Amino acid sequence: MKDSSRVSALIMGEEYVIRGDAPGEYIEDLARDLNSRMQKLSEANPRLSLNQMAVLSALNLADELSSCRRRCADLLRLLEQV
């Protein structure tokens, strides 16, 4: 059984306790990345609520994930042709 990590992270001034199977440093990196993305959104549009920033951040991350999956599939197809 994997050991779970418990990390305290500050995201947009709010403290969150995050538990997961990934190493604590990895979870901290994810939290820092999310905080950075939300800070940039806040600076670009200070009228956004915390919830709006979270939803926009999630949509941006989902878009990045979808693009990465597409590129990965394309690369796998290229490898199969070799």
C-alpha atoms as a PDB file:
ATOM      1  CA  MET A   1       0.000   0.000   0.000  1.00  0.00           C
ATOM      2  CA  LYS A   2       1.313   3.447  -0.937  1.00  0.00           C
ATOM      3  CA  ASP A   3       2.013   6.000   1.731  1.00  0.00           C
ATOM      4  CA  SER A   4      -0.151   9.059   1.374  1.00  0.00           C
ATOM      5  CA  SER A   5       1.223  12.573   1.626  1.00  0.00           C
ATOM      6  CA  ARG A   6      -0.381  15.393   3.552  1.00  0.00           C
ATOM      7  CA  VAL A   7       0.586  18.881   2.408  1.00  0.00           C
ATOM      8  CA  SER A   8      -0.531  22.327   3.501  1.00  0.00           C
ATOM      9  CA  ALA A   9      -0.718  24.706   0.533  1.00  0.00           C
ATOM     10  CA  LEU A  10      -1.551  28.399   0.257  1.00  0.00           C
ATOM     11  CA  ILE A  11      -3.631  29.127  -2.849  1.00  0.00           C
ATOM     12  CA  MET A  12      -4.884  32.667  -3.384  1.00  0.00           C
ATOM     13  CA  GLY A  13      -4.459  33.417   0.314  1.00  0.00           C
ATOM     14  CA  GLU A  14      -6.470  30.379   1.410  1.00  0.00           C
ATOM     15  CA  GLU A  15      -4.815  27.475   3.194  1.00  0.00           C
ATOM     16  CA  TYR A  16      -5.696  24.006   1.939  1.00  0.00           C
ATOM     17  CA  VAL A  17      -4.654  20.660   3.357  1.00  0.00           C
ATOM     18  CA  ILE A  18      -4.157  18.296   0.432  1.00  0.00           C
ATOM     19  CA  ARG A  19      -3.779  14.556   0.782  1.00  0.00           C
ATOM     20  CA  GLY A  20      -2.696  12.263  -2.009  1.00  0.00           C
ATOM     21  CA  ASP A  21      -0.665   9.260  -3.025  1.00  0.00           C
ATOM     22  CA  ALA A  22       1.928  11.398  -4.816  1.00  0.00           C
ATOM     23  CA  PRO A  23       5.061  12.638  -3.020  1.00  0.00           C
ATOM     24  CA  GLY A  24       4.534  15.798  -0.967  1.00  0.00           C
ATOM     25  CA  GLU A  25       6.971  17.833  -3.077  1.00  0.00           C
ATOM     26  CA  TYR A  26       4.998  16.978  -6.204  1.00  0.00           C
ATOM     27  CA  ILE A  27       1.723  18.066  -4.597  1.00  0.00           C
ATOM     28  CA  GLU A  28       3.385  21.297  -3.425  1.00  0.00           C
ATOM     29  CA  ASP A  29       4.594  21.957  -6.999  1.00  0.00           C
ATOM     30  CA  LEU A  30       1.068  21.445  -8.320  1.00  0.00           C
ATOM     31  CA  ALA A  31      -0.349  23.827  -5.724  1.00  0.00           C
ATOM     32  CA  ARG A  32       2.288  26.470  -6.553  1.00  0.00           C
ATOM     33  CA  ASP A  33       1.504  26.137 -10.263  1.00  0.00           C
ATOM     34  CA  LEU A  34      -2.221  26.517  -9.626  1.00  0.00           C
ATOM     35  CA  ASN A  35      -1.636  29.526  -7.387  1.00  0.00           C
ATOM     36  CA  SER A  36       0.525  31.131 -10.075  1.00  0.00           C
ATOM     37  CA  ARG A  37      -2.107  30.564 -12.751  1.00  0.00           C
ATOM     38  CA  MET A  38      -4.840  31.990 -10.563  1.00  0.00           C
ATOM     39  CA  GLN A  39      -2.677  35.002  -9.642  1.00  0.00           C
ATOM     40  CA  LYS A  40      -2.158  35.760 -13.347  1.00  0.00           C
ATOM     41  CA  LEU A  41      -5.907  35.554 -13.963  1.00  0.00           C
ATOM     42  CA  SER A  42      -6.521  37.832 -10.983  1.00  0.00           C
ATOM     43  CA  GLU A  43      -4.016  40.396 -12.239  1.00  0.00           C
ATOM     44  CA  ALA A  44      -5.547  40.337 -15.740  1.00  0.00           C
ATOM     45  CA  ASN A  45      -9.083  40.707 -14.384  1.00  0.00           C
ATOM     46  CA  PRO A  46      -9.282  41.780 -10.738  1.00  0.00           C
ATOM     47  CA  ARG A  47     -13.092  41.551 -10.742  1.00  0.00           C
ATOM     48  CA  LEU A  48     -13.086  37.768 -10.998  1.00  0.00           C
ATOM     49  CA  SER A  49     -14.274  35.947  -7.903  1.00  0.00           C
ATOM     50  CA  LEU A  50     -12.216  33.129  -6.419  1.00  0.00           C
ATOM     51  CA  ASN A  51     -14.694  30.621  -7.876  1.00  0.00           C
ATOM     52  CA  GLN A  52     -14.472  32.176 -11.337  1.00  0.00           C
ATOM     53  CA  MET A  53     -10.669  32.055 -11.207  1.00  0.00           C
ATOM     54  CA  ALA A  54     -10.795  28.407 -10.145  1.00  0.00           C
ATOM     55  CA  VAL A  55     -13.162  27.475 -12.993  1.00  0.00           C
ATOM     56  CA  LEU A  56     -11.125  29.371 -15.602  1.00  0.00           C
ATOM     57  CA  SER A  57      -7.932  27.763 -14.299  1.00  0.00           C
ATOM     58  CA  ALA A  58      -9.557  24.325 -14.528  1.00  0.00           C
ATOM     59  CA  LEU A  59     -10.677  25.011 -18.111  1.00  0.00           C
ATOM     60  CA  ASN A  60      -7.204  26.217 -19.082  1.00  0.00           C
ATOM     61  CA  LEU A  61      -5.641  23.102 -17.538  1.00  0.00           C
ATOM     62  CA  ALA A  62      -8.199  20.863 -19.283  1.00  0.00           C
ATOM     63  CA  ASP A  63      -7.310  22.535 -22.594  1.00  0.00           C
ATOM     64  CA  GLU A  64      -3.592  21.942 -21.986  1.00  0.00           C
ATOM     65  CA  LEU A  65      -4.256  18.304 -21.076  1.00  0.00           C
ATOM     66  CA  SER A  66      -6.351  17.777 -24.201  1.00  0.00           C
ATOM     67  CA  SER A  67      -3.630  19.315 -26.384  1.00  0.00           C
ATOM     68  CA  CYS A  68      -0.970  17.112 -24.757  1.00  0.00           C
ATOM     69  CA  ARG A  69      -3.091  13.995 -25.285  1.00  0.00           C
ATOM     70  CA  ARG A  70      -3.560  14.905 -28.949  1.00  0.00           C
ATOM     71  CA  ARG A  71       0.175  15.485 -29.437  1.00  0.00           C
ATOM     72  CA  CYS A  72       0.981  12.229 -27.658  1.00  0.00           C
ATOM     73  CA  ALA A  73      -1.446  10.297 -29.886  1.00  0.00           C
ATOM     74  CA  ASP A  74       0.080  11.929 -32.969  1.00  0.00           C
ATOM     75  CA  LEU A  75       3.590  10.991 -31.831  1.00  0.00           C
ATOM     76  CA  LEU A  76       2.549   7.412 -31.120  1.00  0.00           C
ATOM     77  CA  ARG A  77       1.084   7.163 -34.624  1.00  0.00           C
ATOM     78  CA  LEU A  78       4.360   8.452 -36.061  1.00  0.00           C
ATOM     79  CA  LEU A  79       6.325   5.892 -34.048  1.00  0.00           C
ATOM     80  CA  GLU A  80       4.117   3.095 -35.326  1.00  0.00           C
ATOM     81  CA  GLN A  81       4.977   4.128 -38.889  1.00  0.00           C
ATOM     82  CA  VAL A  82       8.710   3.784 -38.279  1.00  0.00           C
END
